[in-house]
PDB file of N, CA and C in Angstrom:
ATOM      1  N   MET A   1      13.520 -13.454   4.196  1.00  0.00           N
ATOM      2  CA  MET A   1      12.644 -13.446   5.345  1.00  0.00           C
ATOM      3  C   MET A   1      12.244 -12.004   5.646  1.00  0.00           C
ATOM      4  N   THR A   2      10.969 -11.762   5.780  1.00  0.00           N
ATOM      5  CA  THR A   2      10.489 -10.414   6.052  1.00  0.00           C
ATOM      6  C   THR A   2      10.664 -10.077   7.526  1.00  0.00           C
ATOM      7  N   ARG A   3      10.516  -8.797   7.819  1.00  0.00           N
ATOM      8  CA  ARG A   3      10.650  -8.366   9.216  1.00  0.00           C
ATOM      9  C   ARG A   3       9.593  -9.009  10.092  1.00  0.00           C
ATOM     10  N   LYS A   4       8.376  -9.104   9.553  1.00  0.00           N
ATOM     11  CA  LYS A   4       7.286  -9.652  10.356  1.00  0.00           C
ATOM     12  C   LYS A   4       7.515 -11.130  10.655  1.00  0.00           C
ATOM     13  N   SER A   5       7.955 -11.883   9.652  1.00  0.00           N
ATOM     14  CA  SER A   5       8.181 -13.303   9.882  1.00  0.00           C
ATOM     15  C   SER A   5       9.352 -13.522  10.845  1.00  0.00           C
ATOM     16  N   LYS A   6      10.360 -12.650  10.779  1.00  0.00           N
ATOM     17  CA  LYS A   6      11.475 -12.742  11.709  1.00  0.00           C
ATOM     18  C   LYS A   6      11.005 -12.447  13.134  1.00  0.00           C
ATOM     19  N   ALA A   7      10.156 -11.419  13.275  1.00  0.00           N
ATOM     20  CA  ALA A   7       9.620 -11.071  14.588  1.00  0.00           C
ATOM     21  C   ALA A   7       8.770 -12.213  15.143  1.00  0.00           C
ATOM     22  N   VAL A   8       7.953 -12.824  14.290  1.00  0.00           N
ATOM     23  CA  VAL A   8       7.109 -13.936  14.731  1.00  0.00           C
ATOM     24  C   VAL A   8       7.975 -15.114  15.161  1.00  0.00           C
ATOM     25  N   ASP A   9       9.024 -15.410  14.409  1.00  0.00           N
ATOM     26  CA  ASP A   9       9.927 -16.505  14.779  1.00  0.00           C
ATOM     27  C   ASP A   9      10.575 -16.252  16.138  1.00  0.00           C
ATOM     28  N   LEU A  10      11.033 -15.023  16.369  1.00  0.00           N
ATOM     29  CA  LEU A  10      11.656 -14.688  17.646  1.00  0.00           C
ATOM     30  C   LEU A  10      10.652 -14.769  18.790  1.00  0.00           C
ATOM     31  N   ILE A  11       9.422 -14.330  18.554  1.00  0.00           N
ATOM     32  CA  ILE A  11       8.381 -14.384  19.581  1.00  0.00           C
ATOM     33  C   ILE A  11       8.060 -15.836  19.919  1.00  0.00           C
ATOM     34  N   ILE A  12       7.970 -16.685  18.905  1.00  0.00           N
ATOM     35  CA  ILE A  12       7.696 -18.103  19.143  1.00  0.00           C
ATOM     36  C   ILE A  12       8.829 -18.741  19.950  1.00  0.00           C
ATOM     37  N   LYS A  13      10.075 -18.384  19.646  1.00  0.00           N
ATOM     38  CA  LYS A  13      11.215 -18.914  20.402  1.00  0.00           C
ATOM     39  C   LYS A  13      11.155 -18.480  21.863  1.00  0.00           C
ATOM     40  N   VAL A  14      10.770 -17.226  22.104  1.00  0.00           N
ATOM     41  CA  VAL A  14      10.653 -16.733  23.474  1.00  0.00           C
ATOM     42  C   VAL A  14       9.515 -17.452  24.192  1.00  0.00           C
ATOM     43  N   MET A  15       8.388 -17.653  23.504  1.00  0.00           N
ATOM     44  CA  MET A  15       7.241 -18.320  24.122  1.00  0.00           C
ATOM     45  C   MET A  15       7.549 -19.781  24.455  1.00  0.00           C
ATOM     46  N   ASN A  16       8.386 -20.434  23.635  1.00  0.00           N
ATOM     47  CA  ASN A  16       8.741 -21.833  23.873  1.00  0.00           C
ATOM     48  C   ASN A  16       9.917 -21.983  24.840  1.00  0.00           C
ATOM     49  N   GLY A  17      10.531 -20.890  25.247  1.00  0.00           N
ATOM     50  CA  GLY A  17      11.650 -20.937  26.167  1.00  0.00           C
ATOM     51  C   GLY A  17      12.970 -21.242  25.496  1.00  0.00           C
ATOM     52  N   GLU A  18      13.026 -21.148  24.176  1.00  0.00           N
ATOM     53  CA  GLU A  18      14.261 -21.421  23.442  1.00  0.00           C
ATOM     54  C   GLU A  18      15.185 -20.208  23.406  1.00  0.00           C
ATOM     55  N   SER A  19      14.649 -19.039  23.726  1.00  0.00           N
ATOM     56  CA  SER A  19      15.430 -17.810  23.681  1.00  0.00           C
ATOM     57  C   SER A  19      15.068 -16.964  24.887  1.00  0.00           C
ATOM     58  N   TYR A  20      16.028 -16.167  25.324  1.00  0.00           N
ATOM     59  CA  TYR A  20      15.805 -15.307  26.481  1.00  0.00           C
ATOM     60  C   TYR A  20      15.845 -13.834  26.096  1.00  0.00           C
ATOM     61  N   LEU A  21      15.509 -13.537  24.844  1.00  0.00           N
ATOM     62  CA  LEU A  21      15.458 -12.149  24.399  1.00  0.00           C
ATOM     63  C   LEU A  21      14.270 -11.444  25.042  1.00  0.00           C
ATOM     64  N   THR A  22      14.435 -10.163  25.333  1.00  0.00           N
ATOM     65  CA  THR A  22      13.306  -9.375  25.813  1.00  0.00           C
ATOM     66  C   THR A  22      12.610  -8.757  24.606  1.00  0.00           C
ATOM     67  N   TYR A  23      11.428  -8.224  24.843  1.00  0.00           N
ATOM     68  CA  TYR A  23      10.695  -7.609  23.738  1.00  0.00           C
ATOM     69  C   TYR A  23      11.367  -6.316  23.278  1.00  0.00           C
ATOM     70  N   LYS A  24      12.119  -5.673  24.176  1.00  0.00           N
ATOM     71  CA  LYS A  24      12.901  -4.498  23.781  1.00  0.00           C
ATOM     72  C   LYS A  24      13.985  -4.904  22.786  1.00  0.00           C
ATOM     73  N   GLU A  25      14.637  -6.018  23.060  1.00  0.00           N
ATOM     74  CA  GLU A  25      15.692  -6.494  22.175  1.00  0.00           C
ATOM     75  C   GLU A  25      15.123  -6.946  20.830  1.00  0.00           C
ATOM     76  N   ILE A  26      13.979  -7.608  20.877  1.00  0.00           N
ATOM     77  CA  ILE A  26      13.326  -8.024  19.624  1.00  0.00           C
ATOM     78  C   ILE A  26      12.910  -6.790  18.830  1.00  0.00           C
ATOM     79  N   ALA A  27      12.461  -5.751  19.533  1.00  0.00           N
ATOM     80  CA  ALA A  27      12.081  -4.502  18.867  1.00  0.00           C
ATOM     81  C   ALA A  27      13.273  -3.861  18.177  1.00  0.00           C
ATOM     82  N   LYS A  28      14.435  -3.904  18.821  1.00  0.00           N
ATOM     83  CA  LYS A  28      15.640  -3.349  18.199  1.00  0.00           C
ATOM     84  C   LYS A  28      16.061  -4.160  16.985  1.00  0.00           C
ATOM     85  N   ILE A  29      15.944  -5.468  17.074  1.00  0.00           N
ATOM     86  CA  ILE A  29      16.349  -6.341  15.969  1.00  0.00           C
ATOM     87  C   ILE A  29      15.447  -6.158  14.758  1.00  0.00           C
ATOM     88  N   THR A  30      14.132  -6.120  15.000  1.00  0.00           N
ATOM     89  CA  THR A  30      13.180  -6.099  13.887  1.00  0.00           C
ATOM     90  C   THR A  30      12.760  -4.696  13.467  1.00  0.00           C
ATOM     91  N   GLY A  31      12.883  -3.719  14.365  1.00  0.00           N
ATOM     92  CA  GLY A  31      12.466  -2.359  14.029  1.00  0.00           C
ATOM     93  C   GLY A  31      11.004  -2.081  14.353  1.00  0.00           C
ATOM     94  N   TYR A  32      10.324  -3.035  14.950  1.00  0.00           N
ATOM     95  CA  TYR A  32       8.940  -2.826  15.363  1.00  0.00           C
ATOM     96  C   TYR A  32       8.878  -2.247  16.773  1.00  0.00           C
ATOM     97  N   HIS A  33       7.744  -1.632  17.103  1.00  0.00           N
ATOM     98  CA  HIS A  33       7.523  -1.103  18.437  1.00  0.00           C
ATOM     99  C   HIS A  33       7.155  -2.257  19.367  1.00  0.00           C
ATOM    100  N   GLU A  34       7.462  -2.091  20.642  1.00  0.00           N
ATOM    101  CA  GLU A  34       7.194  -3.156  21.613  1.00  0.00           C
ATOM    102  C   GLU A  34       5.709  -3.486  21.707  1.00  0.00           C
ATOM    103  N   LYS A  35       4.849  -2.471  21.617  1.00  0.00           N
ATOM    104  CA  LYS A  35       3.406  -2.722  21.692  1.00  0.00           C
ATOM    105  C   LYS A  35       2.937  -3.572  20.515  1.00  0.00           C
ATOM    106  N   TYR A  36       3.515  -3.344  19.337  1.00  0.00           N
ATOM    107  CA  TYR A  36       3.150  -4.144  18.175  1.00  0.00           C
ATOM    108  C   TYR A  36       3.612  -5.590  18.363  1.00  0.00           C
ATOM    109  N   LEU A  37       4.764  -5.766  18.988  1.00  0.00           N
ATOM    110  CA  LEU A  37       5.253  -7.115  19.247  1.00  0.00           C
ATOM    111  C   LEU A  37       4.340  -7.853  20.225  1.00  0.00           C
ATOM    112  N   LEU A  38       3.802  -7.131  21.211  1.00  0.00           N
ATOM    113  CA  LEU A  38       2.856  -7.750  22.137  1.00  0.00           C
ATOM    114  C   LEU A  38       1.561  -8.128  21.415  1.00  0.00           C
ATOM    115  N   LYS A  39       1.163  -7.307  20.459  1.00  0.00           N
ATOM    116  CA  LYS A  39      -0.017  -7.632  19.645  1.00  0.00           C
ATOM    117  C   LYS A  39       0.252  -8.880  18.812  1.00  0.00           C
ATOM    118  N   LEU A  40       1.447  -8.961  18.224  1.00  0.00           N
ATOM    119  CA  LEU A  40       1.821 -10.151  17.462  1.00  0.00           C
ATOM    120  C   LEU A  40       1.843 -11.393  18.349  1.00  0.00           C
ATOM    121  N   LYS A  41       2.348 -11.235  19.584  1.00  0.00           N
ATOM    122  CA  LYS A  41       2.383 -12.357  20.521  1.00  0.00           C
ATOM    123  C   LYS A  41       0.969 -12.866  20.800  1.00  0.00           C
ATOM    124  N   LYS A  42       0.038 -11.943  20.982  1.00  0.00           N
ATOM    125  CA  LYS A  42      -1.351 -12.321  21.229  1.00  0.00           C
ATOM    126  C   LYS A  42      -1.929 -13.056  20.022  1.00  0.00           C
ATOM    127  N   GLU A  43      -1.643 -12.557  18.804  1.00  0.00           N
ATOM    128  CA  GLU A  43      -2.131 -13.212  17.589  1.00  0.00           C
ATOM    129  C   GLU A  43      -1.513 -14.594  17.420  1.00  0.00           C
ATOM    130  N   VAL A  44      -0.234 -14.746  17.767  1.00  0.00           N
ATOM    131  CA  VAL A  44       0.427 -16.051  17.664  1.00  0.00           C
ATOM    132  C   VAL A  44      -0.200 -17.027  18.648  1.00  0.00           C
ATOM    133  N   SER A  45      -0.437 -16.569  19.871  1.00  0.00           N
ATOM    134  CA  SER A  45      -0.990 -17.469  20.881  1.00  0.00           C
ATOM    135  C   SER A  45      -2.431 -17.869  20.556  1.00  0.00           C
ATOM    136  N   GLU A  46      -3.185 -16.962  19.911  1.00  0.00           N
ATOM    137  CA  GLU A  46      -4.566 -17.281  19.526  1.00  0.00           C
ATOM    138  C   GLU A  46      -4.640 -18.015  18.195  1.00  0.00           C
ATOM    139  N   GLY A  47      -3.556 -17.985  17.428  1.00  0.00           N
ATOM    140  CA  GLY A  47      -3.529 -18.655  16.126  1.00  0.00           C
ATOM    141  C   GLY A  47      -4.222 -17.877  15.025  1.00  0.00           C
ATOM    142  N   THR A  48      -4.346 -16.570  15.184  1.00  0.00           N
ATOM    143  CA  THR A  48      -5.040 -15.737  14.196  1.00  0.00           C
ATOM    144  C   THR A  48      -4.086 -14.875  13.386  1.00  0.00           C
ATOM    145  N   ILE A  49      -2.808 -15.163  13.415  1.00  0.00           N
ATOM    146  CA  ILE A  49      -1.821 -14.304  12.741  1.00  0.00           C
ATOM    147  C   ILE A  49      -1.880 -14.506  11.229  1.00  0.00           C
ATOM    148  N   SER A  50      -1.760 -13.404  10.504  1.00  0.00           N
ATOM    149  CA  SER A  50      -1.736 -13.426   9.048  1.00  0.00           C
ATOM    150  C   SER A  50      -0.472 -12.730   8.584  1.00  0.00           C
ATOM    151  N   MET A  51       0.255 -13.361   7.697  1.00  0.00           N
ATOM    152  CA  MET A  51       1.520 -12.797   7.245  1.00  0.00           C
ATOM    153  C   MET A  51       1.350 -11.840   6.065  1.00  0.00           C
ATOM    154  N   THR A  52       0.173 -11.804   5.452  1.00  0.00           N
ATOM    155  CA  THR A  52      -0.069 -10.881   4.343  1.00  0.00           C
ATOM    156  C   THR A  52      -1.069  -9.825   4.776  1.00  0.00           C
ATOM    157  N   HIS A  53      -0.985  -8.665   4.165  1.00  0.00           N
ATOM    158  CA  HIS A  53      -1.888  -7.565   4.464  1.00  0.00           C
ATOM    159  C   HIS A  53      -3.280  -7.875   3.925  1.00  0.00           C
ATOM    160  N   GLY A  54      -4.303  -7.389   4.595  1.00  0.00           N
ATOM    161  CA  GLY A  54      -5.683  -7.682   4.218  1.00  0.00           C
ATOM    162  C   GLY A  54      -6.110  -7.097   2.888  1.00  0.00           C
ATOM    163  N   ASN A  55      -5.480  -6.004   2.439  1.00  0.00           N
ATOM    164  CA  ASN A  55      -5.878  -5.364   1.189  1.00  0.00           C
ATOM    165  C   ASN A  55      -5.015  -5.792   0.006  1.00  0.00           C
ATOM    166  N   THR A  56      -4.234  -6.840   0.158  1.00  0.00           N
ATOM    167  CA  THR A  56      -3.368  -7.295  -0.915  1.00  0.00           C
ATOM    168  C   THR A  56      -4.215  -7.744  -2.106  1.00  0.00           C
ATOM    169  N   ASN A  57      -3.802  -7.348  -3.295  1.00  0.00           N
ATOM    170  CA  ASN A  57      -4.450  -7.688  -4.568  1.00  0.00           C
ATOM    171  C   ASN A  57      -5.835  -7.079  -4.727  1.00  0.00           C
ATOM    172  N   ARG A  58      -6.141  -6.021  -4.020  1.00  0.00           N
ATOM    173  CA  ARG A  58      -7.406  -5.309  -4.205  1.00  0.00           C
ATOM    174  C   ARG A  58      -7.128  -3.996  -4.920  1.00  0.00           C
ATOM    175  N   LYS A  59      -8.043  -3.612  -5.779  1.00  0.00           N
ATOM    176  CA  LYS A  59      -7.913  -2.355  -6.495  1.00  0.00           C
ATOM    177  C   LYS A  59      -8.320  -1.211  -5.561  1.00  0.00           C
ATOM    178  N   PRO A  60      -7.535  -0.145  -5.490  1.00  0.00           N
ATOM    179  CA  PRO A  60      -7.883   0.978  -4.614  1.00  0.00           C
ATOM    180  C   PRO A  60      -9.228   1.591  -5.004  1.00  0.00           C
ATOM    181  N   ILE A  61      -9.933   2.089  -4.014  1.00  0.00           N
ATOM    182  CA  ILE A  61     -11.289   2.587  -4.231  1.00  0.00           C
ATOM    183  C   ILE A  61     -11.299   3.882  -5.047  1.00  0.00           C
ATOM    184  N   ASN A  62     -10.224   4.657  -5.005  1.00  0.00           N
ATOM    185  CA  ASN A  62     -10.214   5.949  -5.685  1.00  0.00           C
ATOM    186  C   ASN A  62      -9.523   5.909  -7.048  1.00  0.00           C
ATOM    187  N   THR A  63      -9.360   4.717  -7.626  1.00  0.00           N
ATOM    188  CA  THR A  63      -8.731   4.638  -8.943  1.00  0.00           C
ATOM    189  C   THR A  63      -9.708   5.092 -10.019  1.00  0.00           C
ATOM    190  N   ILE A  64      -9.150   5.548 -11.092  1.00  0.00           N
ATOM    191  CA  ILE A  64      -9.955   6.028 -12.205  1.00  0.00           C
ATOM    192  C   ILE A  64     -10.372   4.822 -13.061  1.00  0.00           C
ATOM    193  N   SER A  65     -11.616   4.812 -13.489  1.00  0.00           N
ATOM    194  CA  SER A  65     -12.108   3.672 -14.262  1.00  0.00           C
ATOM    195  C   SER A  65     -11.566   3.727 -15.694  1.00  0.00           C
ATOM    196  N   ASP A  66     -11.590   2.583 -16.359  1.00  0.00           N
ATOM    197  CA  ASP A  66     -11.095   2.514 -17.735  1.00  0.00           C
ATOM    198  C   ASP A  66     -11.978   3.331 -18.681  1.00  0.00           C
ATOM    199  N   GLU A  67     -13.285   3.374 -18.410  1.00  0.00           N
ATOM    200  CA  GLU A  67     -14.189   4.157 -19.249  1.00  0.00           C
ATOM    201  C   GLU A  67     -13.866   5.645 -19.154  1.00  0.00           C
ATOM    202  N   GLU A  68     -13.590   6.113 -17.921  1.00  0.00           N
ATOM    203  CA  GLU A  68     -13.263   7.528 -17.755  1.00  0.00           C
ATOM    204  C   GLU A  68     -11.909   7.851 -18.376  1.00  0.00           C
ATOM    205  N   LYS A  69     -10.962   6.932 -18.294  1.00  0.00           N
ATOM    206  CA  LYS A  69      -9.664   7.129 -18.948  1.00  0.00           C
ATOM    207  C   LYS A  69      -9.856   7.308 -20.449  1.00  0.00           C
ATOM    208  N   GLN A  70     -10.645   6.429 -21.045  1.00  0.00           N
ATOM    209  CA  GLN A  70     -10.886   6.505 -22.485  1.00  0.00           C
ATOM    210  C   GLN A  70     -11.612   7.796 -22.848  1.00  0.00           C
ATOM    211  N   TYR A  71     -12.551   8.225 -21.999  1.00  0.00           N
ATOM    212  CA  TYR A  71     -13.280   9.470 -22.234  1.00  0.00           C
ATOM    213  C   TYR A  71     -12.323  10.668 -22.203  1.00  0.00           C
ATOM    214  N   ILE A  72     -11.409  10.692 -21.234  1.00  0.00           N
ATOM    215  CA  ILE A  72     -10.433  11.785 -21.127  1.00  0.00           C
ATOM    216  C   ILE A  72      -9.529  11.793 -22.358  1.00  0.00           C
ATOM    217  N   ILE A  73      -9.074  10.629 -22.777  1.00  0.00           N
ATOM    218  CA  ILE A  73      -8.190  10.537 -23.942  1.00  0.00           C
ATOM    219  C   ILE A  73      -8.894  11.040 -25.192  1.00  0.00           C
ATOM    220  N   ASN A  74     -10.117  10.593 -25.421  1.00  0.00           N
ATOM    221  CA  ASN A  74     -10.867  11.025 -26.609  1.00  0.00           C
ATOM    222  C   ASN A  74     -11.155  12.517 -26.572  1.00  0.00           C
ATOM    223  N   LEU A  75     -11.512  13.029 -25.411  1.00  0.00           N
ATOM    224  CA  LEU A  75     -11.805  14.451 -25.278  1.00  0.00           C
ATOM    225  C   LEU A  75     -10.552  15.291 -25.498  1.00  0.00           C
ATOM    226  N   TYR A  76      -9.410  14.829 -24.981  1.00  0.00           N
ATOM    227  CA  TYR A  76      -8.164  15.578 -25.154  1.00  0.00           C
ATOM    228  C   TYR A  76      -7.703  15.561 -26.605  1.00  0.00           C
ATOM    229  N   LYS A  77      -7.922  14.450 -27.298  1.00  0.00           N
ATOM    230  CA  LYS A  77      -7.525  14.368 -28.712  1.00  0.00           C
ATOM    231  C   LYS A  77      -8.286  15.380 -29.555  1.00  0.00           C
ATOM    232  N   ARG A  78      -9.527  15.653 -29.182  1.00  0.00           N
ATOM    233  CA  ARG A  78     -10.345  16.587 -29.958  1.00  0.00           C
ATOM    234  C   ARG A  78     -10.078  18.041 -29.606  1.00  0.00           C
ATOM    235  N   SER A  79      -9.386  18.303 -28.505  1.00  0.00           N
ATOM    236  CA  SER A  79      -9.161  19.684 -28.086  1.00  0.00           C
ATOM    237  C   SER A  79      -7.782  20.160 -28.536  1.00  0.00           C
ATOM    238  N   ASN A  80      -7.621  21.476 -28.557  1.00  0.00           N
ATOM    239  CA  ASN A  80      -6.339  22.093 -28.894  1.00  0.00           C
ATOM    240  C   ASN A  80      -5.719  22.751 -27.664  1.00  0.00           C
ATOM    241  N   ALA A  81      -6.269  22.486 -26.498  1.00  0.00           N
ATOM    242  CA  ALA A  81      -5.819  23.143 -25.271  1.00  0.00           C
ATOM    243  C   ALA A  81      -4.596  22.443 -24.689  1.00  0.00           C
ATOM    244  N   SER A  82      -3.896  23.184 -23.859  1.00  0.00           N
ATOM    245  CA  SER A  82      -2.769  22.590 -23.134  1.00  0.00           C
ATOM    246  C   SER A  82      -3.333  21.686 -22.040  1.00  0.00           C
ATOM    247  N   ILE A  83      -2.461  20.904 -21.455  1.00  0.00           N
ATOM    248  CA  ILE A  83      -2.925  19.988 -20.411  1.00  0.00           C
ATOM    249  C   ILE A  83      -3.452  20.766 -19.217  1.00  0.00           C
ATOM    250  N   ARG A  84      -2.793  21.866 -18.876  1.00  0.00           N
ATOM    251  CA  ARG A  84      -3.224  22.683 -17.743  1.00  0.00           C
ATOM    252  C   ARG A  84      -4.632  23.230 -17.971  1.00  0.00           C
ATOM    253  N   LYS A  85      -4.873  23.789 -19.157  1.00  0.00           N
ATOM    254  CA  LYS A  85      -6.204  24.327 -19.460  1.00  0.00           C
ATOM    255  C   LYS A  85      -7.230  23.208 -19.573  1.00  0.00           C
ATOM    256  N   PHE A  86      -6.824  22.078 -20.130  1.00  0.00           N
ATOM    257  CA  PHE A  86      -7.731  20.945 -20.258  1.00  0.00           C
ATOM    258  C   PHE A  86      -8.145  20.421 -18.882  1.00  0.00           C
ATOM    259  N   SER A  87      -7.207  20.381 -17.935  1.00  0.00           N
ATOM    260  CA  SER A  87      -7.548  19.889 -16.601  1.00  0.00           C
ATOM    261  C   SER A  87      -8.486  20.855 -15.880  1.00  0.00           C
ATOM    262  N   LYS A  88      -8.315  22.158 -16.119  1.00  0.00           N
ATOM    263  CA  LYS A  88      -9.259  23.125 -15.550  1.00  0.00           C
ATOM    264  C   LYS A  88     -10.633  22.982 -16.188  1.00  0.00           C
ATOM    265  N   PHE A  89     -10.661  22.681 -17.475  1.00  0.00           N
ATOM    266  CA  PHE A  89     -11.933  22.492 -18.178  1.00  0.00           C
ATOM    267  C   PHE A  89     -12.628  21.228 -17.697  1.00  0.00           C
ATOM    268  N   TYR A  90     -11.890  20.135 -17.569  1.00  0.00           N
ATOM    269  CA  TYR A  90     -12.487  18.858 -17.178  1.00  0.00           C
ATOM    270  C   TYR A  90     -12.955  18.909 -15.730  1.00  0.00           C
ATOM    271  N   ASN A  91     -12.142  19.407 -14.826  1.00  0.00           N
ATOM    272  CA  ASN A  91     -12.499  19.773 -13.462  1.00  0.00           C
ATOM    273  C   ASN A  91     -13.052  18.630 -12.596  1.00  0.00           C
ATOM    274  N   LYS A  92     -13.018  17.378 -13.054  1.00  0.00           N
ATOM    275  CA  LYS A  92     -13.458  16.259 -12.210  1.00  0.00           C
ATOM    276  C   LYS A  92     -12.271  15.562 -11.572  1.00  0.00           C
ATOM    277  N   ARG A  93     -11.126  15.637 -12.218  1.00  0.00           N
ATOM    278  CA  ARG A  93      -9.902  15.002 -11.731  1.00  0.00           C
ATOM    279  C   ARG A  93      -8.802  16.040 -11.640  1.00  0.00           C
ATOM    280  N   SER A  94      -7.773  15.725 -10.885  1.00  0.00           N
ATOM    281  CA  SER A  94      -6.663  16.657 -10.709  1.00  0.00           C
ATOM    282  C   SER A  94      -5.783  16.682 -11.958  1.00  0.00           C
ATOM    283  N   TYR A  95      -4.925  17.701 -12.002  1.00  0.00           N
ATOM    284  CA  TYR A  95      -4.006  17.846 -13.123  1.00  0.00           C
ATOM    285  C   TYR A  95      -3.099  16.632 -13.231  1.00  0.00           C
ATOM    286  N   SER A  96      -2.574  16.169 -12.104  1.00  0.00           N
ATOM    287  CA  SER A  96      -1.637  15.040 -12.133  1.00  0.00           C
ATOM    288  C   SER A  96      -2.321  13.767 -12.605  1.00  0.00           C
ATOM    289  N   CYS A  97      -3.578  13.576 -12.233  1.00  0.00           N
ATOM    290  CA  CYS A  97      -4.320  12.394 -12.669  1.00  0.00           C
ATOM    291  C   CYS A  97      -4.499  12.415 -14.189  1.00  0.00           C
ATOM    292  N   ILE A  98      -4.891  13.558 -14.718  1.00  0.00           N
ATOM    293  CA  ILE A  98      -5.085  13.685 -16.168  1.00  0.00           C
ATOM    294  C   ILE A  98      -3.744  13.538 -16.882  1.00  0.00           C
ATOM    295  N   TRP A  99      -2.698  14.115 -16.323  1.00  0.00           N
ATOM    296  CA  TRP A  99      -1.378  14.014 -16.931  1.00  0.00           C
ATOM    297  C   TRP A  99      -0.936  12.560 -17.020  1.00  0.00           C
ATOM    298  N   HIS A 100      -1.138  11.787 -15.950  1.00  0.00           N
ATOM    299  CA  HIS A 100      -0.744  10.378 -15.955  1.00  0.00           C
ATOM    300  C   HIS A 100      -1.554   9.560 -16.959  1.00  0.00           C
ATOM    301  N   VAL A 101      -2.836   9.870 -17.091  1.00  0.00           N
ATOM    302  CA  VAL A 101      -3.672   9.168 -18.070  1.00  0.00           C
ATOM    303  C   VAL A 101      -3.170   9.449 -19.474  1.00  0.00           C
ATOM    304  N   LEU A 102      -2.868  10.711 -19.790  1.00  0.00           N
ATOM    305  CA  LEU A 102      -2.400  11.080 -21.110  1.00  0.00           C
ATOM    306  C   LEU A 102      -0.987  10.545 -21.370  1.00  0.00           C
ATOM    307  N   LYS A 103      -0.157  10.504 -20.366  1.00  0.00           N
ATOM    308  CA  LYS A 103       1.202   9.954 -20.508  1.00  0.00           C
ATOM    309  C   LYS A 103       1.131   8.465 -20.783  1.00  0.00           C
ATOM    310  N   GLU A 104       0.244   7.763 -20.093  1.00  0.00           N
ATOM    311  CA  GLU A 104       0.054   6.327 -20.292  1.00  0.00           C
ATOM    312  C   GLU A 104      -0.438   6.030 -21.698  1.00  0.00           C
ATOM    313  N   ALA A 105      -1.246   6.940 -22.248  1.00  0.00           N
ATOM    314  CA  ALA A 105      -1.779   6.757 -23.593  1.00  0.00           C
ATOM    315  C   ALA A 105      -0.785   7.182 -24.677  1.00  0.00           C
ATOM    316  N   GLY A 106       0.316   7.805 -24.292  1.00  0.00           N
ATOM    317  CA  GLY A 106       1.331   8.213 -25.253  1.00  0.00           C
ATOM    318  C   GLY A 106       1.037   9.542 -25.933  1.00  0.00           C
ATOM    319  N   LEU A 107       0.194  10.366 -25.320  1.00  0.00           N
ATOM    320  CA  LEU A 107      -0.153  11.655 -25.909  1.00  0.00           C
ATOM    321  C   LEU A 107       0.755  12.777 -25.431  1.00  0.00           C
ATOM    322  N   ILE A 108       1.630  12.516 -24.505  1.00  0.00           N
ATOM    323  CA  ILE A 108       2.554  13.525 -23.998  1.00  0.00           C
ATOM    324  C   ILE A 108       3.964  13.120 -24.378  1.00  0.00           C
TER     325      ILE A 108
END
C-alpha cells in the first residue's frame, strides 16, 4: 500500500465517522503535509482523485533522440579525440550526456 492510498483510506474513514484521527495525526502517520491532506480530502469528496501521477509512462521532453544518439556514436567512432575534447567539439550536448550515450553503446 502506498503512502497516498493509505492517506486516502484514513481520510475516507474520518469523513465516514469511522475514525477520530485529526489531520495532524494523519500527517504524522503518512508523512504528508496537512495542507496536502486537505487537498486530498477535497479531491475525495469531489470524486476527482487519481492514484497515479499524470506524467506516468511519458517520455521526458529533454531526452536525446535515437537519431542523435546514432549520429554521436558514428561521429565518435571516426574521431581520435578523447571524450572530453569530443564533447567540446560537439557542443550541443553536455559531457555527461555524451558519456552516457557512448557508455550505452559500449564504446567506453
